[in-house]
Amino acid sequence: MKSHRIGIALLAIALLAAGCGREGGASETESTAGPAVSGNFGDLSGICGPGSAKSASAQGVTASEIEIGMFSDIGFTKNPDFVDAAKVFTSWCNAAGGINGRKIVTNLRDTNFMEVRQRMLESCREDFFLVGGSAALDGLGVKDRLSCLLPEFPAQVTATANTGSDLQLSAGATVAENVDPYSGFHDWLIKDAHPNSAESVGIIVGDSPITKVMSDKFTESLTASGATITYSDLYPAAGVSDWTPYAQSIKARNVRGLIFLGDFRYLAKLQDVLTGMDYRLDWIDANANSYNSTYLDATKSSLAAQNNYVDLSGTTPLDAAAKVTAVQQVRDLFERYAPDSDITFQVLRAFQAWVLFAKSATACGDNLTRACVYDTARKETAWTGGGLQAPVDLSRPLAEQTRCFNVQKATPDGWKTADFAPNNGAFRCGFTPYAYSKDFGKPTTLADVGKTMNDLK
């Protein structure tokens, strides 16, 4: 039991960097019954719809179906976010007619935390594409994925070896990048929102190789921005029974801003202790994986005392639904197809990936191939997922682009948009991510497995 708790903690940590089954999307809910369903999403028209596809044009593609692989650690974590997003999106898309009449069938590739390679090899044999998933140890399968020329539009990536790897398109930020995508957010915290906090910033991370590297990256980036790191500590990856010693150290060093890397449930316990000691930080960076209702419930006794912020890195927040059609549509679709499921940050990231696949695949028509879908998606130079995120140029490496950030604050009344001076709708755009001076590794390429883009068919 102890080893399982440690594994859960390590998985939660890995997902900051950032049973196997066959799910038929709308086959379990609504498909063609009832009133006609529009294939429009957000500000995009006709990304799903009927058609007259006739060919079996690629592996996983027939005249009637498209098999899509979706990675998740759900068998280990019991976290349904990516599965929920896949169910809701495919139920809606299939009800609207599918992809030119082809029904999307989702093959859940449950990695069970440690079984990434096994699931990747299965996916290589059966799936047309990988869409809308994530695995904490995704770096274990990237060479196999490239060897079988399997493209992916993931919801999140975690390992340096997989982040920005070939045959992958992702608009999501991750600390596994060779630049700091959160430097705009942290600059806002220490220079605009709470300028006095720059003189004393703390970082506390779970004791694993993954988060130790993340701590090193943030320390370098924050120091370059003028912050002074006065507290840096590790806690056991499986958590602790009493967070009082950590809270006492934070108070003794007069930490004003705190970055916490690890399971958000542990952060909830730590800040409860801090609040009980009547110690109030200027800010806590709770990370985007805390953007869910579970975190709000876990911190309800301390939210009024502590300023909990998350940077959604350009993902449109749920409280923008009144102004952004795509966000309201996600809410409506979840109400229809998964009314008891929570819409989290991971769900929003996964939905954007599914929208990218559907739009690109529909544009390919009957001749649906991996090369066509991937090349079509790469032509999106201002991709917003129909309104689910700030514009991203998918034709260029993410590390070369200026970025957007947007800040949510946890309040007793739910997640609310903070006063962060947006300059582009729901976002503050135009900052250049800090480039690390140290070499933290590089993404895997086709050349690493003896392939080229000309091999993609």
Protein backbone atom coordinates (compact mmCIF):
# COMPACT_ATOMS: atom_id res chain seq x y z
CA MET A 1 0.00 0.00 0.00
CA LYS A 2 2.86 2.36 0.81
CA SER A 3 4.46 1.81 -2.60
CA HIS A 4 1.14 2.65 -4.27
CA ARG A 5 0.91 5.94 -2.34
CA ILE A 6 4.46 6.79 -3.37
CA GLY A 7 3.60 6.00 -6.97
CA ILE A 8 0.54 8.22 -6.86
CA ALA A 9 2.63 11.05 -5.50
CA LEU A 10 5.33 10.59 -8.13
CA LEU A 11 2.67 10.55 -10.81
CA ALA A 12 1.14 13.78 -9.55
CA ILE A 13 4.60 15.30 -9.56
CA ALA A 14 5.32 14.10 -13.09
CA LEU A 15 2.08 15.50 -14.42
CA LEU A 16 3.23 18.95 -13.40
CA ALA A 17 5.98 18.98 -16.12
CA ALA A 18 2.52 19.58 -16.82
CA GLY A 19 -8.25 -1.28 -18.20
CA CYS A 20 -7.18 -1.05 -21.78
CA GLY A 21 -10.45 -0.85 -23.61
CA ARG A 22 -12.24 0.21 -26.71
CA GLU A 23 -14.68 3.03 -26.27
CA GLY A 24 -17.15 3.85 -28.99
CA GLY A 25 -17.86 7.47 -28.16
CA ALA A 26 -21.51 8.09 -28.96
CA SER A 27 -22.25 4.38 -29.24
CA GLU A 28 -22.81 4.40 -25.49
CA THR A 29 -24.85 7.58 -25.44
CA GLU A 30 -26.54 9.47 -28.25
CA SER A 31 -25.55 9.13 -31.88
CA THR A 32 -28.10 9.58 -34.61
CA ALA A 33 -31.19 9.61 -32.43
CA GLY A 34 -32.98 12.84 -31.68
CA PRO A 35 -32.63 16.22 -33.36
CA ALA A 36 -29.74 16.93 -35.72
CA VAL A 37 -26.51 17.96 -33.98
CA SER A 38 -24.42 20.80 -35.41
CA GLY A 39 -20.80 19.98 -36.25
CA ASN A 40 -19.68 23.53 -35.48
CA PHE A 41 -17.48 24.15 -32.47
CA GLY A 42 -16.83 27.59 -31.06
CA ASP A 43 -15.89 29.82 -33.98
CA LEU A 44 -15.07 26.82 -36.21
CA SER A 45 -17.59 25.56 -38.74
CA GLY A 46 -18.17 21.95 -39.72
CA ILE A 47 -15.31 20.23 -37.93
CA CYS A 48 -17.56 17.17 -37.64
CA GLY A 49 -20.32 16.04 -39.97
CA PRO A 50 -21.68 13.43 -42.35
CA GLY A 51 -20.02 12.45 -45.60
CA SER A 52 -19.48 9.69 -48.10
CA ALA A 53 -16.09 8.26 -47.09
CA LYS A 54 -15.48 4.94 -48.84
CA SER A 55 -11.82 3.98 -48.46
CA ALA A 56 -9.74 2.17 -45.87
CA SER A 57 -6.99 4.70 -46.38
CA ALA A 58 -4.62 3.96 -43.48
CA GLN A 59 -4.08 1.80 -40.43
CA GLY A 60 -7.04 2.25 -38.11
CA VAL A 61 -9.21 3.77 -40.84
CA THR A 62 -12.11 2.07 -42.59
CA ALA A 63 -14.99 3.45 -44.59
CA SER A 64 -17.01 3.64 -41.38
CA GLU A 65 -14.57 4.10 -38.47
CA ILE A 66 -11.38 5.82 -37.28
CA GLU A 67 -9.50 4.23 -34.40
CA ILE A 68 -7.86 6.80 -32.15
CA GLY A 69 -5.53 5.93 -29.27
CA MET A 70 -5.84 7.90 -26.05
CA PHE A 71 -3.21 7.52 -23.33
CA SER A 72 -4.08 7.80 -19.64
CA ASP A 73 -2.80 6.56 -16.29
CA ILE A 74 -6.40 6.08 -15.16
CA GLY A 75 -5.90 2.49 -13.98
CA PHE A 76 -3.40 3.78 -11.44
CA THR A 77 -4.67 7.24 -10.56
CA LYS A 78 -8.42 6.74 -11.12
CA ASN A 79 -8.31 10.26 -12.60
CA PRO A 80 -10.93 10.29 -15.40
CA ASP A 81 -10.20 13.71 -16.96
CA PHE A 82 -8.80 12.57 -20.31
CA VAL A 83 -11.30 9.72 -20.58
CA ASP A 84 -14.17 12.10 -19.83
CA ALA A 85 -12.98 14.56 -22.46
CA ALA A 86 -12.68 11.81 -25.07
CA LYS A 87 -16.14 10.46 -24.27
CA VAL A 88 -17.80 13.86 -24.45
CA PHE A 89 -16.05 15.04 -27.60
CA THR A 90 -16.52 11.81 -29.57
CA SER A 91 -20.14 11.48 -28.45
CA TRP A 92 -20.86 14.94 -29.81
CA CYS A 93 -18.77 14.57 -32.98
CA ASN A 94 -20.27 11.19 -33.85
CA ALA A 95 -23.77 12.52 -33.21
CA ALA A 96 -22.99 15.29 -35.69
CA GLY A 97 -21.99 12.72 -38.32
CA GLY A 98 -18.41 11.90 -37.35
CA ILE A 99 -15.48 12.72 -39.61
CA ASN A 100 -16.95 12.84 -43.11
CA GLY A 101 -19.30 10.08 -41.98
CA ARG A 102 -16.65 7.97 -40.25
CA LYS A 103 -17.32 7.28 -36.59
CA ILE A 104 -14.51 7.99 -34.09
CA VAL A 105 -13.70 4.98 -31.94
CA THR A 106 -11.43 5.63 -28.95
CA ASN A 107 -8.97 2.95 -27.86
CA LEU A 108 -8.12 3.73 -24.24
CA ARG A 109 -4.43 3.01 -23.69
CA ASP A 110 -4.25 2.69 -19.93
CA THR A 111 -0.56 2.84 -19.03
CA ASN A 112 -1.21 2.05 -15.37
CA PHE A 113 1.69 4.45 -14.67
CA MET A 114 4.56 2.10 -15.59
CA GLU A 115 3.27 0.40 -18.77
CA VAL A 116 3.87 3.17 -21.30
CA ARG A 117 5.94 1.09 -23.73
CA GLN A 118 3.48 -1.79 -23.71
CA ARG A 119 0.58 0.48 -24.53
CA MET A 120 2.59 2.35 -27.15
CA LEU A 121 3.46 -0.88 -28.96
CA GLU A 122 -0.22 -1.83 -28.96
CA SER A 123 -1.11 1.60 -30.31
CA CYS A 124 1.51 1.26 -33.03
CA ARG A 125 -0.22 -1.92 -34.23
CA GLU A 126 -3.79 -0.63 -34.20
CA ASP A 127 -4.31 3.14 -33.99
CA PHE A 128 -4.45 5.77 -36.68
CA PHE A 129 -3.47 8.64 -34.38
CA LEU A 130 -2.99 9.52 -30.70
CA VAL A 131 -5.23 12.33 -29.47
CA GLY A 132 -6.14 14.05 -26.22
CA GLY A 133 -4.20 11.97 -23.72
CA SER A 134 -1.19 12.04 -21.45
CA ALA A 135 1.01 9.73 -19.41
CA ALA A 136 3.27 10.82 -16.58
CA LEU A 137 6.16 8.73 -17.93
CA ASP A 138 5.47 9.56 -21.57
CA GLY A 139 9.17 9.72 -22.37
CA LEU A 140 9.32 5.92 -22.13
CA GLY A 141 7.27 5.52 -25.30
CA VAL A 142 8.44 8.32 -27.56
CA LYS A 143 11.04 6.32 -29.50
CA ASP A 144 8.53 3.56 -30.17
CA ARG A 145 5.99 6.13 -31.32
CA LEU A 146 8.42 7.70 -33.75
CA SER A 147 9.66 4.33 -34.96
CA CYS A 148 6.12 3.39 -36.03
CA LEU A 149 5.48 6.93 -37.37
CA LEU A 150 2.49 7.51 -35.09
CA PRO A 151 1.60 11.22 -34.78
CA GLU A 152 0.03 12.64 -31.65
CA PHE A 153 -1.95 15.68 -30.57
CA PRO A 154 -1.62 15.21 -26.77
CA ALA A 155 -3.49 17.00 -24.04
CA GLN A 156 -0.30 17.32 -21.98
CA VAL A 157 3.33 16.24 -22.23
CA THR A 158 5.66 15.75 -19.28
CA ALA A 159 9.10 14.32 -20.12
CA THR A 160 11.84 16.35 -21.76
CA ALA A 161 12.39 13.55 -24.28
CA ASN A 162 8.77 13.83 -25.42
CA THR A 163 8.16 17.57 -25.12
CA GLY A 164 8.38 19.04 -28.61
CA SER A 165 9.31 15.69 -30.13
CA ASP A 166 8.71 15.03 -33.82
CA LEU A 167 5.23 14.12 -35.12
CA GLN A 168 3.73 15.93 -32.16
CA LEU A 169 1.67 19.11 -32.09
CA SER A 170 0.82 20.62 -28.74
CA ALA A 171 -0.03 24.15 -27.74
CA GLY A 172 0.24 23.41 -24.03
CA ALA A 173 3.00 24.78 -21.82
CA THR A 174 5.15 22.48 -19.69
CA VAL A 175 8.19 22.95 -17.48
CA ALA A 176 9.85 20.19 -19.52
CA GLU A 177 10.46 22.79 -22.24
CA ASN A 178 13.91 24.33 -22.72
CA VAL A 179 12.37 27.71 -21.86
CA ASP A 180 10.29 28.71 -18.86
CA PRO A 181 6.69 29.14 -20.08
CA TYR A 182 5.66 30.47 -16.67
CA SER A 183 8.14 33.34 -16.56
CA GLY A 184 5.46 35.84 -17.63
CA PHE A 185 3.19 34.68 -14.82
CA HIS A 186 5.95 34.75 -12.22
CA ASP A 187 7.06 38.20 -13.37
CA TRP A 188 3.49 39.40 -12.84
CA LEU A 189 3.47 37.93 -9.33
CA ILE A 190 6.74 39.47 -8.16
CA LYS A 191 6.66 42.75 -10.10
CA ASP A 192 3.01 43.72 -10.52
CA ALA A 193 0.70 41.88 -8.16
CA HIS A 194 2.95 41.55 -5.09
CA PRO A 195 6.20 43.45 -5.68
CA ASN A 196 7.36 43.13 -2.09
CA SER A 197 7.34 39.36 -2.44
CA ALA A 198 10.37 39.32 -4.76
CA GLU A 199 12.73 39.63 -1.81
CA SER A 200 11.65 36.28 -0.38
CA VAL A 201 10.37 33.49 -2.62
CA GLY A 202 10.20 29.85 -1.58
CA ILE A 203 10.06 26.62 -3.56
CA ILE A 204 8.98 23.30 -2.05
CA VAL A 205 8.93 20.17 -4.17
CA GLY A 206 8.34 16.45 -3.91
CA ASP A 207 11.55 14.46 -3.59
CA SER A 208 11.95 12.99 -7.08
CA PRO A 209 14.38 13.56 -9.96
CA ILE A 210 11.57 15.14 -11.98
CA THR A 211 10.71 17.91 -9.54
CA LYS A 212 14.30 18.52 -8.51
CA VAL A 213 14.97 19.55 -12.10
CA MET A 214 11.83 21.68 -12.11
CA SER A 215 13.02 23.41 -8.95
CA ASP A 216 16.39 24.12 -10.55
CA LYS A 217 14.67 25.61 -13.59
CA PHE A 218 12.40 27.89 -11.58
CA THR A 219 15.27 28.98 -9.35
CA GLU A 220 17.32 30.04 -12.38
CA SER A 221 14.41 31.83 -14.06
CA LEU A 222 13.19 33.63 -10.94
CA THR A 223 16.68 34.73 -9.94
CA ALA A 224 17.21 36.16 -13.42
CA SER A 225 13.96 38.13 -12.97
CA GLY A 226 15.18 39.68 -9.74
CA ALA A 227 13.67 37.38 -7.13
CA THR A 228 15.60 36.10 -4.12
CA ILE A 229 15.04 32.44 -3.25
CA THR A 230 15.16 32.30 0.54
CA TYR A 231 13.61 28.89 1.04
CA SER A 232 14.06 25.66 -0.92
CA ASP A 233 12.99 22.31 0.45
CA LEU A 234 12.01 18.76 -0.42
CA TYR A 235 9.22 16.69 1.06
CA PRO A 236 8.80 12.90 0.71
CA ALA A 237 7.04 12.03 -2.54
CA ALA A 238 4.39 10.08 -0.60
CA GLY A 239 3.60 13.14 1.50
CA VAL A 240 3.88 13.59 5.25
CA SER A 241 1.49 13.14 8.14
CA ASP A 242 2.35 16.52 9.66
CA TRP A 243 3.19 19.60 7.59
CA THR A 244 3.95 21.72 10.65
CA PRO A 245 7.78 21.59 10.34
CA TYR A 246 7.56 22.80 6.73
CA ALA A 247 5.14 25.57 7.66
CA GLN A 248 7.43 26.65 10.51
CA SER A 249 10.41 26.84 8.15
CA ILE A 250 8.43 28.91 5.66
CA LYS A 251 7.39 31.30 8.42
CA ALA A 252 10.89 31.47 9.93
CA ARG A 253 12.35 32.52 6.57
CA ASN A 254 9.59 35.09 6.07
CA VAL A 255 8.66 33.60 2.69
CA ARG A 256 6.27 35.91 0.85
CA GLY A 257 5.64 33.90 -2.33
CA LEU A 258 5.58 30.10 -2.51
CA ILE A 259 5.81 27.71 -5.44
CA PHE A 260 4.55 24.23 -4.60
CA LEU A 261 5.32 21.30 -6.90
CA GLY A 262 3.48 18.09 -6.17
CA ASP A 263 0.02 16.75 -5.42
CA PHE A 264 -2.35 19.67 -4.82
CA ARG A 265 -3.92 17.75 -1.94
CA TYR A 266 -0.62 18.07 -0.07
CA LEU A 267 -0.57 21.80 -0.77
CA ALA A 268 -4.06 22.05 0.73
CA LYS A 269 -2.79 20.44 3.94
CA LEU A 270 0.29 22.67 4.07
CA GLN A 271 -1.64 25.89 3.68
CA ASP A 272 -4.18 24.78 6.27
CA VAL A 273 -1.28 24.58 8.72
CA LEU A 274 0.08 27.95 7.62
CA THR A 275 -3.35 29.52 8.06
CA GLY A 276 -3.71 27.90 11.48
CA MET A 277 -0.40 29.53 12.45
CA ASP A 278 -1.86 32.87 11.27
CA TYR A 279 0.85 33.12 8.61
CA ARG A 280 -0.35 34.57 5.35
CA LEU A 281 1.77 34.45 2.23
CA ASP A 282 1.44 37.13 -0.44
CA TRP A 283 0.87 34.41 -3.02
CA ILE A 284 0.97 30.67 -3.66
CA ASP A 285 1.56 29.25 -7.14
CA ALA A 286 -0.69 26.19 -6.95
CA ASN A 287 -0.01 25.15 -10.63
CA ALA A 288 -2.64 24.60 -13.30
CA ASN A 289 -3.34 20.97 -12.36
CA SER A 290 -5.10 22.39 -9.30
CA TYR A 291 -7.70 24.03 -11.52
CA ASN A 292 -10.55 21.77 -10.46
CA SER A 293 -13.32 21.58 -7.90
CA THR A 294 -11.49 19.00 -5.77
CA TYR A 295 -8.80 21.52 -4.89
CA LEU A 296 -11.38 24.12 -3.97
CA ASP A 297 -13.07 21.66 -1.64
CA ALA A 298 -9.75 20.65 -0.05
CA THR A 299 -8.75 24.26 0.64
CA LYS A 300 -12.11 25.73 1.68
CA SER A 301 -10.91 26.45 5.21
CA SER A 302 -7.92 28.52 4.03
CA LEU A 303 -8.96 30.14 0.74
CA ALA A 304 -10.05 33.35 2.40
CA ALA A 305 -6.65 33.71 4.06
CA GLN A 306 -4.27 32.68 1.27
CA ASN A 307 -3.89 33.96 -2.29
CA ASN A 308 -3.88 30.84 -4.47
CA TYR A 309 -3.10 31.53 -8.12
CA VAL A 310 -2.71 29.33 -11.18
CA ASP A 311 -1.45 30.21 -14.64
CA LEU A 312 -3.55 28.51 -17.32
CA SER A 313 -0.89 29.43 -19.90
CA GLY A 314 -3.32 30.66 -22.50
CA THR A 315 -6.13 28.15 -21.90
CA THR A 316 -9.46 29.97 -21.76
CA PRO A 317 -10.97 29.73 -18.25
CA LEU A 318 -14.42 28.44 -17.46
CA ASP A 319 -15.58 31.81 -16.13
CA ALA A 320 -15.20 33.22 -19.66
CA ALA A 321 -18.18 31.14 -20.87
CA ALA A 322 -20.44 34.16 -21.20
CA LYS A 323 -18.05 35.72 -23.71
CA VAL A 324 -16.44 32.69 -25.39
CA THR A 325 -18.77 30.36 -27.28
CA ALA A 326 -16.34 27.42 -27.19
CA VAL A 327 -16.17 27.41 -23.39
CA GLN A 328 -19.95 27.54 -23.05
CA GLN A 329 -20.18 24.73 -25.60
CA VAL A 330 -17.86 22.55 -23.52
CA ARG A 331 -20.07 23.22 -20.50
CA ASP A 332 -23.18 22.31 -22.48
CA LEU A 333 -21.64 19.14 -23.91
CA PHE A 334 -20.53 17.94 -20.50
CA GLU A 335 -24.00 18.61 -19.16
CA ARG A 336 -25.38 16.46 -21.96
CA TYR A 337 -22.89 13.58 -22.12
CA ALA A 338 -21.13 13.53 -18.72
CA PRO A 339 -23.21 15.58 -16.26
CA ASP A 340 -21.45 14.23 -13.17
CA SER A 341 -17.91 14.93 -14.41
CA ASP A 342 -15.73 17.89 -13.46
CA ILE A 343 -14.40 20.20 -16.17
CA THR A 344 -10.74 20.62 -15.23
CA PHE A 345 -7.64 22.15 -16.76
CA GLN A 346 -6.74 18.73 -18.17
CA VAL A 347 -10.20 18.41 -19.73
CA LEU A 348 -9.84 21.78 -21.47
CA ARG A 349 -6.40 20.84 -22.79
CA ALA A 350 -7.69 17.49 -24.07
CA PHE A 351 -10.70 19.09 -25.75
CA GLN A 352 -8.47 21.46 -27.69
CA ALA A 353 -6.45 18.50 -28.98
CA TRP A 354 -9.60 16.70 -30.13
CA VAL A 355 -10.81 19.83 -31.91
CA LEU A 356 -7.48 20.08 -33.75
CA PHE A 357 -7.72 16.47 -34.88
CA ALA A 358 -11.33 16.73 -36.01
CA LYS A 359 -10.81 19.91 -38.01
CA SER A 360 -7.68 18.57 -39.69
CA ALA A 361 -9.09 15.11 -40.41
CA THR A 362 -12.31 16.51 -41.85
CA ALA A 363 -10.27 18.66 -44.23
CA CYS A 364 -8.55 15.53 -45.56
CA GLY A 365 -11.79 14.07 -46.90
CA ASP A 366 -11.92 10.43 -48.01
CA ASN A 367 -8.15 10.11 -48.40
CA LEU A 368 -7.55 10.16 -44.64
CA THR A 369 -3.86 9.56 -43.93
CA ARG A 370 -1.54 10.38 -41.05
CA ALA A 371 0.53 12.67 -43.25
CA CYS A 372 -2.54 14.61 -44.40
CA VAL A 373 -3.87 15.17 -40.87
CA TYR A 374 -0.49 16.14 -39.44
CA ASP A 375 0.46 18.42 -42.33
CA THR A 376 -2.96 20.08 -42.32
CA ALA A 377 -2.73 20.81 -38.60
CA ARG A 378 0.77 22.26 -39.00
CA LYS A 379 -0.65 24.93 -41.32
CA GLU A 380 -2.61 26.47 -38.43
CA THR A 381 -0.68 29.67 -37.79
CA ALA A 382 -3.13 31.16 -35.27
CA TRP A 383 -4.68 28.11 -33.66
CA THR A 384 -7.20 28.79 -30.89
CA GLY A 385 -9.12 25.52 -30.73
CA GLY A 386 -12.28 27.37 -31.66
CA GLY A 387 -11.74 29.76 -28.75
CA LEU A 388 -10.35 27.41 -26.09
CA GLN A 389 -6.93 29.05 -26.01
CA ALA A 390 -4.81 32.02 -27.00
CA PRO A 391 -3.50 31.93 -30.60
CA VAL A 392 -0.53 29.62 -31.25
CA ASP A 393 1.39 29.16 -34.49
CA LEU A 394 1.55 25.38 -34.96
CA SER A 395 3.86 25.77 -37.96
CA ARG A 396 6.72 26.83 -35.67
CA PRO A 397 8.34 25.31 -32.58
CA LEU A 398 6.62 26.55 -29.44
CA ALA A 399 9.93 27.53 -27.86
CA GLU A 400 10.49 30.14 -30.58
CA GLN A 401 7.25 32.02 -29.97
CA THR A 402 6.12 34.77 -27.66
CA ARG A 403 3.50 33.56 -25.23
CA CYS A 404 0.32 34.43 -23.41
CA PHE A 405 -0.65 33.80 -19.82
CA ASN A 406 -3.86 34.14 -17.86
CA VAL A 407 -4.33 33.94 -14.13
CA GLN A 408 -7.08 32.34 -12.09
CA LYS A 409 -7.47 32.83 -8.36
CA ALA A 410 -9.05 30.30 -6.01
CA THR A 411 -11.78 31.92 -3.94
CA PRO A 412 -14.50 30.63 -1.60
CA ASP A 413 -16.88 31.26 -4.52
CA GLY A 414 -14.82 29.23 -7.00
CA TRP A 415 -12.08 29.94 -9.51
CA LYS A 416 -12.18 33.56 -10.66
CA THR A 417 -10.12 35.58 -13.13
CA ALA A 418 -7.49 37.59 -11.28
CA ASP A 419 -6.74 41.23 -12.05
CA PHE A 420 -3.70 40.55 -14.24
CA ALA A 421 -4.24 43.25 -16.90
CA PRO A 422 -5.10 41.14 -19.97
CA ASN A 423 -4.34 42.77 -23.31
CA ASN A 424 -5.82 40.19 -25.71
CA GLY A 425 -9.28 39.08 -24.68
CA ALA A 426 -8.91 36.71 -21.73
CA PHE A 427 -5.11 36.71 -22.01
CA ARG A 428 -2.02 38.79 -21.45
CA CYS A 429 0.14 38.19 -24.48
CA GLY A 430 3.55 39.18 -25.74
CA PHE A 431 6.06 37.92 -23.18
CA THR A 432 9.15 35.99 -24.23
CA PRO A 433 9.78 32.89 -22.09
CA TYR A 434 13.06 32.84 -20.21
CA ALA A 435 15.63 30.62 -21.94
CA TYR A 436 17.58 28.43 -19.51
CA SER A 437 21.36 28.70 -19.57
CA LYS A 438 21.79 25.08 -18.48
CA ASP A 439 21.24 22.06 -20.71
CA PHE A 440 18.27 20.15 -19.34
CA GLY A 441 17.99 17.71 -22.25
CA LYS A 442 16.34 17.75 -25.65
CA PRO A 443 13.29 16.29 -27.42
CA THR A 444 13.46 13.08 -29.43
CA THR A 445 13.56 13.37 -33.22
CA LEU A 446 12.81 11.07 -36.13
CA ALA A 447 16.53 11.04 -36.87
CA ASP A 448 17.10 9.45 -33.45
CA VAL A 449 15.20 6.38 -34.66
CA GLY A 450 16.52 6.40 -38.21
CA LYS A 451 13.44 7.99 -39.80
CA THR A 452 12.60 11.20 -41.67
CA MET A 453 9.43 13.14 -42.40
CA ASN A 454 9.44 11.59 -45.89
CA ASP A 455 8.61 8.26 -44.24
CA LEU A 456 5.27 9.55 -42.93
CA LYS A 457 2.42 8.37 -45.15
